[in-house]
């Protein structure tokens, strides 16, 4: 039976030039490189410069992904930007990136699912492609998350960084089995009852301010381990696959202990897990495409590899997707 699939044609990334190390942070607050690394696995993070906006990061990643896919911006029918840090309350950052690419057709919009945003955006694009409404979609995760931080709050300011990643999806007919190339399935969940364990204490409707990140770390960790584990099993089960079939786990880069916990639950060796948290920190919606692009570029992820991506963020919102990389008759 023929099934419409979304092939992942290319991926791209962008990181701001400015790097903030743990040692530099320890000059601002009561912390140390040892303390941060032991609890999070983070050694440094990138920070957007003055006058550098989320749209700038997203546009650079989008151009990189289009180059990787060997497509022109005019080939894109839809642009979806996952971000928690838009340039403006409105219009959507996606429309600014659309204009920057010189595209004036199709649709461009933002979605907000915090750290799970890229997986959510990928699911939306995949369903538009499967329905036949869109042929080629650009999916971007872009954040200037450091602008939501209270730099006096040691529990949160050490965790996050800025960056952007993007992928290009295009429709293709598959045979409907787990051997197909492209997006095999996506799985999304949320539970608003847990809103208060990870949130920003501001907003245009409530405080008329941007606000700062607030987090109950132990609760976030507990929910991450259980909810990500369950959605991974859901994704594999939906495709009749097991952990042994996964070539690469590309997880949200939130905390090294969470990443290791997911790998242990799947019985995956460390060499099958893409981890860049030490030099990227948590870039929220950008973390999964940044990690994916890094592993594709350095040759770890190859054509035909089955890649499992997962993420959890404020909301709580979480999800997973399975993608077989490459093209049926290409590289």
C-alpha atoms as a PDB file:
ATOM      1  CA  UNK A   1       0.000   0.000   0.000  1.00  0.00           C
ATOM      2  CA  UNK A   2       1.381   3.392  -0.977  1.00  0.00           C
ATOM      3  CA  UNK A   3       1.829   5.825   1.925  1.00  0.00           C
ATOM      4  CA  UNK A   4       2.858   9.449   1.711  1.00  0.00           C
ATOM      5  CA  UNK A   5       6.056  10.057   3.672  1.00  0.00           C
ATOM      6  CA  UNK A   6       8.047  13.181   4.548  1.00  0.00           C
ATOM      7  CA  UNK A   7      11.656  12.712   3.481  1.00  0.00           C
ATOM      8  CA  UNK A   8      14.270  14.642   5.444  1.00  0.00           C
ATOM      9  CA  UNK A   9      16.240  16.181   2.576  1.00  0.00           C
ATOM     10  CA  UNK A  10      18.697  18.280   4.554  1.00  0.00           C
ATOM     11  CA  UNK A  11      19.479  19.922   7.874  1.00  0.00           C
ATOM     12  CA  UNK A  12      21.269  23.044   9.022  1.00  0.00           C
ATOM     13  CA  UNK A  13      22.280  24.975  12.106  1.00  0.00           C
ATOM     14  CA  UNK A  14      23.537  28.250  13.469  1.00  0.00           C
ATOM     15  CA  UNK A  15      25.184  29.176  16.769  1.00  0.00           C
ATOM     16  CA  UNK A  16      26.011  32.725  17.896  1.00  0.00           C
ATOM     17  CA  UNK A  17      29.714  33.570  18.025  1.00  0.00           C
ATOM     18  CA  UNK A  18      29.728  34.580  21.688  1.00  0.00           C
ATOM     19  CA  UNK A  19      30.505  31.698  24.072  1.00  0.00           C
ATOM     20  CA  UNK A  20      29.927  31.827  27.816  1.00  0.00           C
ATOM     21  CA  UNK A  21      31.882  29.215  29.763  1.00  0.00           C
ATOM     22  CA  UNK A  22      31.170  27.823  33.197  1.00  0.00           C
ATOM     23  CA  UNK A  23      34.296  29.542  34.479  1.00  0.00           C
ATOM     24  CA  UNK A  24      32.965  32.889  33.282  1.00  0.00           C
ATOM     25  CA  UNK A  25      29.607  32.191  34.911  1.00  0.00           C
ATOM     26  CA  UNK A  26      31.341  31.427  38.192  1.00  0.00           C
ATOM     27  CA  UNK A  27      32.591  35.020  38.217  1.00  0.00           C
ATOM     28  CA  UNK A  28      28.960  36.233  38.206  1.00  0.00           C
ATOM     29  CA  UNK A  29      27.233  33.820  40.573  1.00  0.00           C
ATOM     30  CA  UNK A  30      28.073  31.343  43.318  1.00  0.00           C
ATOM     31  CA  UNK A  31      28.863  28.299  41.182  1.00  0.00           C
ATOM     32  CA  UNK A  32      31.788  26.437  39.611  1.00  0.00           C
ATOM     33  CA  UNK A  33      32.610  24.478  36.493  1.00  0.00           C
ATOM     34  CA  UNK A  34      32.730  21.281  38.576  1.00  0.00           C
ATOM     35  CA  UNK A  35      29.293  21.946  40.115  1.00  0.00           C
ATOM     36  CA  UNK A  36      27.633  22.615  36.741  1.00  0.00           C
ATOM     37  CA  UNK A  37      29.265  19.712  34.900  1.00  0.00           C
ATOM     38  CA  UNK A  38      28.479  17.233  37.672  1.00  0.00           C
ATOM     39  CA  UNK A  39      24.779  18.139  37.735  1.00  0.00           C
ATOM     40  CA  UNK A  40      24.099  18.895  34.069  1.00  0.00           C
ATOM     41  CA  UNK A  41      26.969  17.888  31.786  1.00  0.00           C
ATOM     42  CA  UNK A  42      27.196  21.471  30.479  1.00  0.00           C
ATOM     43  CA  UNK A  43      30.563  23.184  30.017  1.00  0.00           C
ATOM     44  CA  UNK A  44      29.628  26.187  27.891  1.00  0.00           C
ATOM     45  CA  UNK A  45      26.759  27.830  26.007  1.00  0.00           C
ATOM     46  CA  UNK A  46      26.380  30.243  23.064  1.00  0.00           C
ATOM     47  CA  UNK A  47      24.759  33.627  23.700  1.00  0.00           C
ATOM     48  CA  UNK A  48      23.174  35.818  21.032  1.00  0.00           C
ATOM     49  CA  UNK A  49      24.856  39.191  20.629  1.00  0.00           C
ATOM     50  CA  UNK A  50      23.283  42.601  20.988  1.00  0.00           C
ATOM     51  CA  UNK A  51      20.991  43.200  18.037  1.00  0.00           C
ATOM     52  CA  UNK A  52      20.960  39.488  17.137  1.00  0.00           C
ATOM     53  CA  UNK A  53      17.360  38.234  17.155  1.00  0.00           C
ATOM     54  CA  UNK A  54      15.737  34.810  17.088  1.00  0.00           C
ATOM     55  CA  UNK A  55      14.804  35.420  13.451  1.00  0.00           C
ATOM     56  CA  UNK A  56      18.464  36.032  12.589  1.00  0.00           C
ATOM     57  CA  UNK A  57      19.468  32.692  14.092  1.00  0.00           C
ATOM     58  CA  UNK A  58      16.559  30.904  12.420  1.00  0.00           C
ATOM     59  CA  UNK A  59      17.244  32.494   9.037  1.00  0.00           C
ATOM     60  CA  UNK A  60      20.892  31.397   9.112  1.00  0.00           C
ATOM     61  CA  UNK A  61      19.904  27.825  10.030  1.00  0.00           C
ATOM     62  CA  UNK A  62      17.208  27.817   7.333  1.00  0.00           C
ATOM     63  CA  UNK A  63      19.674  28.869   4.645  1.00  0.00           C
ATOM     64  CA  UNK A  64      22.094  26.188   5.828  1.00  0.00           C
ATOM     65  CA  UNK A  65      19.385  23.514   5.667  1.00  0.00           C
ATOM     66  CA  UNK A  66      18.268  24.567   2.173  1.00  0.00           C
ATOM     67  CA  UNK A  67      21.872  24.393   0.979  1.00  0.00           C
ATOM     68  CA  UNK A  68      22.170  20.922   2.468  1.00  0.00           C
ATOM     69  CA  UNK A  69      18.952  19.865   0.721  1.00  0.00           C
ATOM     70  CA  UNK A  70      20.115  21.419  -2.595  1.00  0.00           C
ATOM     71  CA  UNK A  71      16.900  23.426  -2.824  1.00  0.00           C
ATOM     72  CA  UNK A  72      16.085  27.087  -3.333  1.00  0.00           C
ATOM     73  CA  UNK A  73      13.914  29.026  -0.898  1.00  0.00           C
ATOM     74  CA  UNK A  74      11.306  29.319  -3.643  1.00  0.00           C
ATOM     75  CA  UNK A  75      10.768  25.537  -3.447  1.00  0.00           C
ATOM     76  CA  UNK A  76       9.406  25.844   0.093  1.00  0.00           C
ATOM     77  CA  UNK A  77       5.604  25.746   0.543  1.00  0.00           C
ATOM     78  CA  UNK A  78       5.503  26.141   4.325  1.00  0.00           C
ATOM     79  CA  UNK A  79       7.745  27.489   7.085  1.00  0.00           C
ATOM     80  CA  UNK A  80       7.146  26.476  10.700  1.00  0.00           C
ATOM     81  CA  UNK A  81       9.224  28.009  13.474  1.00  0.00           C
ATOM     82  CA  UNK A  82       9.266  26.447  16.922  1.00  0.00           C
ATOM     83  CA  UNK A  83      10.281  29.110  19.420  1.00  0.00           C
ATOM     84  CA  UNK A  84       9.587  30.371  22.925  1.00  0.00           C
ATOM     85  CA  UNK A  85      11.475  33.593  22.268  1.00  0.00           C
ATOM     86  CA  UNK A  86       9.896  35.308  19.236  1.00  0.00           C
ATOM     87  CA  UNK A  87      11.244  38.621  17.990  1.00  0.00           C
ATOM     88  CA  UNK A  88       7.886  40.250  18.727  1.00  0.00           C
ATOM     89  CA  UNK A  89       4.624  39.283  20.357  1.00  0.00           C
ATOM     90  CA  UNK A  90       3.351  39.436  16.788  1.00  0.00           C
ATOM     91  CA  UNK A  91       3.732  38.908  13.898  1.00  0.00           C
ATOM     92  CA  UNK A  92       5.141  35.398  13.855  1.00  0.00           C
ATOM     93  CA  UNK A  93       8.900  35.045  13.660  1.00  0.00           C
ATOM     94  CA  UNK A  94       8.246  32.613  10.804  1.00  0.00           C
ATOM     95  CA  UNK A  95       7.002  35.439   8.615  1.00  0.00           C
ATOM     96  CA  UNK A  96      10.178  37.416   9.265  1.00  0.00           C
ATOM     97  CA  UNK A  97      12.266  34.424   8.213  1.00  0.00           C
ATOM     98  CA  UNK A  98      10.005  33.967   5.192  1.00  0.00           C
ATOM     99  CA  UNK A  99      10.719  37.543   4.139  1.00  0.00           C
ATOM    100  CA  UNK A 100      14.430  37.090   4.780  1.00  0.00           C
ATOM    101  CA  UNK A 101      14.426  34.099   2.434  1.00  0.00           C
ATOM    102  CA  UNK A 102      12.632  36.110  -0.227  1.00  0.00           C
ATOM    103  CA  UNK A 103       9.581  33.845  -0.180  1.00  0.00           C
ATOM    104  CA  UNK A 104       6.141  35.376  -0.707  1.00  0.00           C
ATOM    105  CA  UNK A 105       3.962  32.309  -1.169  1.00  0.00           C
ATOM    106  CA  UNK A 106       2.688  29.536   1.066  1.00  0.00           C
ATOM    107  CA  UNK A 107       2.324  29.862   4.834  1.00  0.00           C
ATOM    108  CA  UNK A 108       4.721  30.794   7.615  1.00  0.00           C
ATOM    109  CA  UNK A 109       3.885  30.616  11.319  1.00  0.00           C
ATOM    110  CA  UNK A 110       5.221  29.855  14.808  1.00  0.00           C
ATOM    111  CA  UNK A 111       4.322  27.166  17.290  1.00  0.00           C
ATOM    112  CA  UNK A 112       5.122  27.180  20.998  1.00  0.00           C
ATOM    113  CA  UNK A 113       5.809  23.988  22.902  1.00  0.00           C
ATOM    114  CA  UNK A 114       9.018  25.182  24.579  1.00  0.00           C
ATOM    115  CA  UNK A 115      11.711  22.470  24.517  1.00  0.00           C
ATOM    116  CA  UNK A 116       9.369  20.032  22.733  1.00  0.00           C
ATOM    117  CA  UNK A 117       8.720  22.657  20.056  1.00  0.00           C
ATOM    118  CA  UNK A 118      10.810  21.136  17.269  1.00  0.00           C
ATOM    119  CA  UNK A 119       9.181  17.707  17.614  1.00  0.00           C
ATOM    120  CA  UNK A 120       5.773  19.411  17.595  1.00  0.00           C
ATOM    121  CA  UNK A 121       6.694  21.472  14.515  1.00  0.00           C
ATOM    122  CA  UNK A 122       7.996  18.395  12.713  1.00  0.00           C
ATOM    123  CA  UNK A 123       4.720  16.600  13.445  1.00  0.00           C
ATOM    124  CA  UNK A 124       2.683  19.506  12.074  1.00  0.00           C
ATOM    125  CA  UNK A 125       4.755  19.697   8.887  1.00  0.00           C
ATOM    126  CA  UNK A 126       4.641  15.918   8.430  1.00  0.00           C
ATOM    127  CA  UNK A 127       0.855  15.891   8.653  1.00  0.00           C
ATOM    128  CA  UNK A 128       0.522  18.738   6.144  1.00  0.00           C
ATOM    129  CA  UNK A 129       2.730  16.783   3.754  1.00  0.00           C
ATOM    130  CA  UNK A 130       0.910  13.493   4.305  1.00  0.00           C
ATOM    131  CA  UNK A 131      -2.435  15.193   3.646  1.00  0.00           C
ATOM    132  CA  UNK A 132      -1.170  16.525   0.315  1.00  0.00           C
ATOM    133  CA  UNK A 133      -1.621  20.186   1.254  1.00  0.00           C
ATOM    134  CA  UNK A 134       2.135  20.841   1.240  1.00  0.00           C
ATOM    135  CA  UNK A 135       4.972  19.284  -0.744  1.00  0.00           C
ATOM    136  CA  UNK A 136       8.064  20.935   0.800  1.00  0.00           C
ATOM    137  CA  UNK A 137       8.301  22.304   4.350  1.00  0.00           C
ATOM    138  CA  UNK A 138      11.033  24.087   6.257  1.00  0.00           C
ATOM    139  CA  UNK A 139      10.959  23.281   9.991  1.00  0.00           C
ATOM    140  CA  UNK A 140      13.032  25.489  12.287  1.00  0.00           C
ATOM    141  CA  UNK A 141      13.778  25.473  16.002  1.00  0.00           C
ATOM    142  CA  UNK A 142      15.249  28.829  17.027  1.00  0.00           C
ATOM    143  CA  UNK A 143      15.790  30.391  20.433  1.00  0.00           C
ATOM    144  CA  UNK A 144      17.424  33.317  22.185  1.00  0.00           C
ATOM    145  CA  UNK A 145      16.553  31.628  25.440  1.00  0.00           C
ATOM    146  CA  UNK A 146      19.188  33.395  27.504  1.00  0.00           C
ATOM    147  CA  UNK A 147      16.980  36.493  27.341  1.00  0.00           C
ATOM    148  CA  UNK A 148      14.453  34.748  29.578  1.00  0.00           C
ATOM    149  CA  UNK A 149      16.986  34.046  32.322  1.00  0.00           C
ATOM    150  CA  UNK A 150      17.470  35.588  35.723  1.00  0.00           C
ATOM    151  CA  UNK A 151      21.272  35.648  35.843  1.00  0.00           C
ATOM    152  CA  UNK A 152      21.157  35.647  39.646  1.00  0.00           C
ATOM    153  CA  UNK A 153      19.237  32.345  39.748  1.00  0.00           C
ATOM    154  CA  UNK A 154      21.869  29.610  39.799  1.00  0.00           C
ATOM    155  CA  UNK A 155      19.289  26.859  39.364  1.00  0.00           C
ATOM    156  CA  UNK A 156      18.287  28.042  35.879  1.00  0.00           C
ATOM    157  CA  UNK A 157      20.847  30.438  34.380  1.00  0.00           C
ATOM    158  CA  UNK A 158      23.530  27.751  34.045  1.00  0.00           C
ATOM    159  CA  UNK A 159      21.290  25.511  31.951  1.00  0.00           C
ATOM    160  CA  UNK A 160      20.412  27.388  28.782  1.00  0.00           C
ATOM    161  CA  UNK A 161      21.964  28.736  25.601  1.00  0.00           C
ATOM    162  CA  UNK A 162      20.971  30.231  22.243  1.00  0.00           C
ATOM    163  CA  UNK A 163      20.967  28.693  18.787  1.00  0.00           C
ATOM    164  CA  UNK A 164      18.921  27.457  15.846  1.00  0.00           C
ATOM    165  CA  UNK A 165      18.531  24.294  13.810  1.00  0.00           C
ATOM    166  CA  UNK A 166      16.417  23.482  10.771  1.00  0.00           C
ATOM    167  CA  UNK A 167      15.377  20.623   8.511  1.00  0.00           C
ATOM    168  CA  UNK A 168      13.777  20.454   5.064  1.00  0.00           C
ATOM    169  CA  UNK A 169      10.990  17.915   4.526  1.00  0.00           C
ATOM    170  CA  UNK A 170       9.553  16.887   1.165  1.00  0.00           C
ATOM    171  CA  UNK A 171       6.759  14.499   0.221  1.00  0.00           C
ATOM    172  CA  UNK A 172       7.510  11.087  -1.265  1.00  0.00           C
ATOM    173  CA  UNK A 173       5.507   7.890  -1.730  1.00  0.00           C
ATOM    174  CA  UNK A 174       6.602   4.979   0.440  1.00  0.00           C
ATOM    175  CA  UNK A 175       5.308   1.444   0.872  1.00  0.00           C
ATOM    176  CA  UNK A 176       3.798   2.038   4.297  1.00  0.00           C
ATOM    177  CA  UNK A 177       6.230  -0.142   6.231  1.00  0.00           C
ATOM    178  CA  UNK A 178       8.905   0.605   8.807  1.00  0.00           C
ATOM    179  CA  UNK A 179      11.523   0.160   6.074  1.00  0.00           C
ATOM    180  CA  UNK A 180      10.368   3.397   4.405  1.00  0.00           C
ATOM    181  CA  UNK A 181      12.623   6.414   4.297  1.00  0.00           C
ATOM    182  CA  UNK A 182      11.421   9.620   5.929  1.00  0.00           C
ATOM    183  CA  UNK A 183       9.218  10.294   8.940  1.00  0.00           C
ATOM    184  CA  UNK A 184       7.661   7.010  10.059  1.00  0.00           C
ATOM    185  CA  UNK A 185       5.518   8.487  12.844  1.00  0.00           C
ATOM    186  CA  UNK A 186       5.221  11.314  15.347  1.00  0.00           C
ATOM    187  CA  UNK A 187       3.728  11.188  18.846  1.00  0.00           C
ATOM    188  CA  UNK A 188       2.730  14.252  20.870  1.00  0.00           C
ATOM    189  CA  UNK A 189       1.435  14.716  24.422  1.00  0.00           C
ATOM    190  CA  UNK A 190       0.829  17.440  26.978  1.00  0.00           C
ATOM    191  CA  UNK A 191      -0.411  17.773  30.547  1.00  0.00           C
ATOM    192  CA  UNK A 192      -1.272  21.300  31.670  1.00  0.00           C
ATOM    193  CA  UNK A 193      -1.675  20.199  35.276  1.00  0.00           C
ATOM    194  CA  UNK A 194       2.121  20.263  35.570  1.00  0.00           C
ATOM    195  CA  UNK A 195       2.456  23.819  34.296  1.00  0.00           C
ATOM    196  CA  UNK A 196       3.894  25.193  37.536  1.00  0.00           C
ATOM    197  CA  UNK A 197       7.036  23.041  37.600  1.00  0.00           C
ATOM    198  CA  UNK A 198       8.492  24.770  34.522  1.00  0.00           C
ATOM    199  CA  UNK A 199       7.269  28.146  33.309  1.00  0.00           C
ATOM    200  CA  UNK A 200       8.090  31.812  32.741  1.00  0.00           C
ATOM    201  CA  UNK A 201       6.596  34.247  35.271  1.00  0.00           C
ATOM    202  CA  UNK A 202       5.577  36.845  32.695  1.00  0.00           C
ATOM    203  CA  UNK A 203       3.567  37.458  29.559  1.00  0.00           C
ATOM    204  CA  UNK A 204       1.658  40.188  27.705  1.00  0.00           C
ATOM    205  CA  UNK A 205      -1.720  39.138  29.132  1.00  0.00           C
ATOM    206  CA  UNK A 206      -0.640  38.570  32.744  1.00  0.00           C
ATOM    207  CA  UNK A 207       2.225  40.873  33.716  1.00  0.00           C
ATOM    208  CA  UNK A 208       2.879  42.835  30.510  1.00  0.00           C
ATOM    209  CA  UNK A 209       6.513  41.759  30.865  1.00  0.00           C
ATOM    210  CA  UNK A 210       8.656  39.006  29.373  1.00  0.00           C
ATOM    211  CA  UNK A 211       9.437  37.393  32.744  1.00  0.00           C
ATOM    212  CA  UNK A 212      12.060  34.841  33.779  1.00  0.00           C
ATOM    213  CA  UNK A 213      12.288  31.058  33.742  1.00  0.00           C
ATOM    214  CA  UNK A 214      11.136  29.281  36.915  1.00  0.00           C
ATOM    215  CA  UNK A 215      11.724  25.579  37.437  1.00  0.00           C
ATOM    216  CA  UNK A 216      11.328  22.858  40.043  1.00  0.00           C
ATOM    217  CA  UNK A 217      14.259  20.778  38.876  1.00  0.00           C
ATOM    218  CA  UNK A 218      13.575  17.527  40.737  1.00  0.00           C
ATOM    219  CA  UNK A 219       9.985  17.391  39.471  1.00  0.00           C
ATOM    220  CA  UNK A 220      11.016  18.158  35.899  1.00  0.00           C
ATOM    221  CA  UNK A 221      13.590  15.370  36.040  1.00  0.00           C
ATOM    222  CA  UNK A 222      11.054  12.888  37.443  1.00  0.00           C
ATOM    223  CA  UNK A 223       8.485  13.639  34.763  1.00  0.00           C
ATOM    224  CA  UNK A 224      11.097  13.642  31.996  1.00  0.00           C
ATOM    225  CA  UNK A 225      12.306  10.148  32.829  1.00  0.00           C
ATOM    226  CA  UNK A 226       8.826   8.627  32.915  1.00  0.00           C
ATOM    227  CA  UNK A 227       7.131  10.559  30.113  1.00  0.00           C
ATOM    228  CA  UNK A 228      10.001  10.362  27.636  1.00  0.00           C
ATOM    229  CA  UNK A 229      10.420   6.668  28.344  1.00  0.00           C
ATOM    230  CA  UNK A 230       6.731   6.063  27.671  1.00  0.00           C
ATOM    231  CA  UNK A 231       6.605   8.060  24.432  1.00  0.00           C
ATOM    232  CA  UNK A 232       9.709   6.289  23.136  1.00  0.00           C
ATOM    233  CA  UNK A 233       7.986   2.954  23.703  1.00  0.00           C
ATOM    234  CA  UNK A 234       4.862   4.336  22.015  1.00  0.00           C
ATOM    235  CA  UNK A 235       6.813   5.399  18.919  1.00  0.00           C
ATOM    236  CA  UNK A 236       8.626   2.087  18.605  1.00  0.00           C
ATOM    237  CA  UNK A 237       5.473   0.058  19.214  1.00  0.00           C
ATOM    238  CA  UNK A 238       3.510   1.992  16.588  1.00  0.00           C
ATOM    239  CA  UNK A 239       6.031   0.870  13.988  1.00  0.00           C
ATOM    240  CA  UNK A 240       6.544  -2.685  15.172  1.00  0.00           C
ATOM    241  CA  UNK A 241      10.116  -1.919  16.163  1.00  0.00           C
ATOM    242  CA  UNK A 242      12.282  -2.397  19.215  1.00  0.00           C
ATOM    243  CA  UNK A 243      15.144  -0.482  20.764  1.00  0.00           C
ATOM    244  CA  UNK A 244      17.565  -2.757  18.945  1.00  0.00           C
ATOM    245  CA  UNK A 245      16.317  -1.359  15.623  1.00  0.00           C
ATOM    246  CA  UNK A 246      17.284   2.223  16.511  1.00  0.00           C
ATOM    247  CA  UNK A 247      20.598   3.365  15.066  1.00  0.00           C
ATOM    248  CA  UNK A 248      20.671   6.742  16.813  1.00  0.00           C
ATOM    249  CA  UNK A 249      18.893   8.446  19.679  1.00  0.00           C
ATOM    250  CA  UNK A 250      18.845  12.232  19.207  1.00  0.00           C
ATOM    251  CA  UNK A 251      17.391  13.517  22.482  1.00  0.00           C
ATOM    252  CA  UNK A 252      16.540  16.982  23.711  1.00  0.00           C
ATOM    253  CA  UNK A 253      19.718  18.321  25.292  1.00  0.00           C
ATOM    254  CA  UNK A 254      18.292  19.278  28.686  1.00  0.00           C
ATOM    255  CA  UNK A 255      20.447  17.436  31.191  1.00  0.00           C
ATOM    256  CA  UNK A 256      23.093  14.745  30.791  1.00  0.00           C
ATOM    257  CA  UNK A 257      21.466  12.610  33.465  1.00  0.00           C
ATOM    258  CA  UNK A 258      18.149  12.603  31.574  1.00  0.00           C
ATOM    259  CA  UNK A 259      19.931  11.729  28.324  1.00  0.00           C
ATOM    260  CA  UNK A 260      21.764   8.858  30.012  1.00  0.00           C
ATOM    261  CA  UNK A 261      18.521   7.719  31.648  1.00  0.00           C
ATOM    262  CA  UNK A 262      16.778   7.405  28.287  1.00  0.00           C
ATOM    263  CA  UNK A 263      19.710   5.526  26.772  1.00  0.00           C
ATOM    264  CA  UNK A 264      19.727   3.101  29.710  1.00  0.00           C
ATOM    265  CA  UNK A 265      15.990   2.534  29.421  1.00  0.00           C
ATOM    266  CA  UNK A 266      16.427   1.685  25.736  1.00  0.00           C
ATOM    267  CA  UNK A 267      19.563  -0.402  26.400  1.00  0.00           C
ATOM    268  CA  UNK A 268      21.413   1.781  23.904  1.00  0.00           C
ATOM    269  CA  UNK A 269      25.182   2.118  24.231  1.00  0.00           C
ATOM    270  CA  UNK A 270      26.574   5.636  24.595  1.00  0.00           C
ATOM    271  CA  UNK A 271      28.032   5.519  21.088  1.00  0.00           C
ATOM    272  CA  UNK A 272      24.468   5.437  19.668  1.00  0.00           C
ATOM    273  CA  UNK A 273      23.374   8.583  21.514  1.00  0.00           C
ATOM    274  CA  UNK A 274      23.974  12.049  20.085  1.00  0.00           C
ATOM    275  CA  UNK A 275      24.956  14.313  22.959  1.00  0.00           C
ATOM    276  CA  UNK A 276      26.140  17.887  22.463  1.00  0.00           C
ATOM    277  CA  UNK A 277      24.919  19.365  25.742  1.00  0.00           C
ATOM    278  CA  UNK A 278      28.492  20.000  26.916  1.00  0.00           C
ATOM    279  CA  UNK A 279      29.071  22.697  24.267  1.00  0.00           C
ATOM    280  CA  UNK A 280      25.507  23.793  23.425  1.00  0.00           C
ATOM    281  CA  UNK A 281      23.706  23.620  26.797  1.00  0.00           C
ATOM    282  CA  UNK A 282      19.897  23.516  26.600  1.00  0.00           C
ATOM    283  CA  UNK A 283      18.781  25.508  23.560  1.00  0.00           C
ATOM    284  CA  UNK A 284      15.116  24.601  24.022  1.00  0.00           C
ATOM    285  CA  UNK A 285      13.367  24.089  20.660  1.00  0.00           C
ATOM    286  CA  UNK A 286      16.701  24.339  18.843  1.00  0.00           C
ATOM    287  CA  UNK A 287      18.410  21.507  20.722  1.00  0.00           C
ATOM    288  CA  UNK A 288      17.166  18.514  18.708  1.00  0.00           C
ATOM    289  CA  UNK A 289      17.866  19.935  15.217  1.00  0.00           C
ATOM    290  CA  UNK A 290      21.238  21.266  16.404  1.00  0.00           C
ATOM    291  CA  UNK A 291      22.202  17.801  17.649  1.00  0.00           C
ATOM    292  CA  UNK A 292      20.845  16.143  14.510  1.00  0.00           C
ATOM    293  CA  UNK A 293      22.781  18.468  12.218  1.00  0.00           C
ATOM    294  CA  UNK A 294      26.012  17.981  14.158  1.00  0.00           C
ATOM    295  CA  UNK A 295      25.771  14.195  13.869  1.00  0.00           C
ATOM    296  CA  UNK A 296      24.896  14.298  10.173  1.00  0.00           C
ATOM    297  CA  UNK A 297      27.738  16.687   9.414  1.00  0.00           C
ATOM    298  CA  UNK A 298      30.399  14.696  11.242  1.00  0.00           C
ATOM    299  CA  UNK A 299      29.318  11.483   9.529  1.00  0.00           C
ATOM    300  CA  UNK A 300      27.835   9.610  12.444  1.00  0.00           C
ATOM    301  CA  UNK A 301      24.287   9.575  11.075  1.00  0.00           C
ATOM    302  CA  UNK A 302      24.176   8.055   7.587  1.00  0.00           C
ATOM    303  CA  UNK A 303      21.669   7.218   4.879  1.00  0.00           C
ATOM    304  CA  UNK A 304      19.277   4.485   5.992  1.00  0.00           C
ATOM    305  CA  UNK A 305      19.851   5.024   9.706  1.00  0.00           C
ATOM    306  CA  UNK A 306      16.781   4.916  11.927  1.00  0.00           C
ATOM    307  CA  UNK A 307      16.808   7.975  14.166  1.00  0.00           C
ATOM    308  CA  UNK A 308      14.619   8.467  17.225  1.00  0.00           C
ATOM    309  CA  UNK A 309      14.146  12.066  18.379  1.00  0.00           C
ATOM    310  CA  UNK A 310      12.454  12.999  21.670  1.00  0.00           C
ATOM    311  CA  UNK A 311      11.946  16.077  23.833  1.00  0.00           C
ATOM    312  CA  UNK A 312      10.033  17.408  26.818  1.00  0.00           C
ATOM    313  CA  UNK A 313       9.421  20.983  27.906  1.00  0.00           C
ATOM    314  CA  UNK A 314       7.153  23.347  29.757  1.00  0.00           C
ATOM    315  CA  UNK A 315       3.460  22.727  29.542  1.00  0.00           C
ATOM    316  CA  UNK A 316       4.277  19.980  30.214  1.00  0.00           C
ATOM    317  CA  UNK A 317       4.609  19.088  26.542  1.00  0.00           C
ATOM    318  CA  UNK A 318       6.538  16.127  25.175  1.00  0.00           C
ATOM    319  CA  UNK A 319       6.841  13.969  22.098  1.00  0.00           C
ATOM    320  CA  UNK A 320       8.910  11.676  19.912  1.00  0.00           C
ATOM    321  CA  UNK A 321       9.367  10.905  16.240  1.00  0.00           C
ATOM    322  CA  UNK A 322      11.021   8.169  14.197  1.00  0.00           C
ATOM    323  CA  UNK A 323      12.813   9.091  10.976  1.00  0.00           C
ATOM    324  CA  UNK A 324      14.737   6.953   8.518  1.00  0.00           C
ATOM    325  CA  UNK A 325      17.407   9.212   7.129  1.00  0.00           C
ATOM    326  CA  UNK A 326      18.187   9.872   3.487  1.00  0.00           C
ATOM    327  CA  UNK A 327      16.451   9.130   0.213  1.00  0.00           C
ATOM    328  CA  UNK A 328      15.243   5.835  -1.274  1.00  0.00           C
ATOM    329  CA  UNK A 329      17.611   6.155  -4.221  1.00  0.00           C
ATOM    330  CA  UNK A 330      20.181   8.630  -2.993  1.00  0.00           C
ATOM    331  CA  UNK A 331      22.709   9.447  -0.320  1.00  0.00           C
END
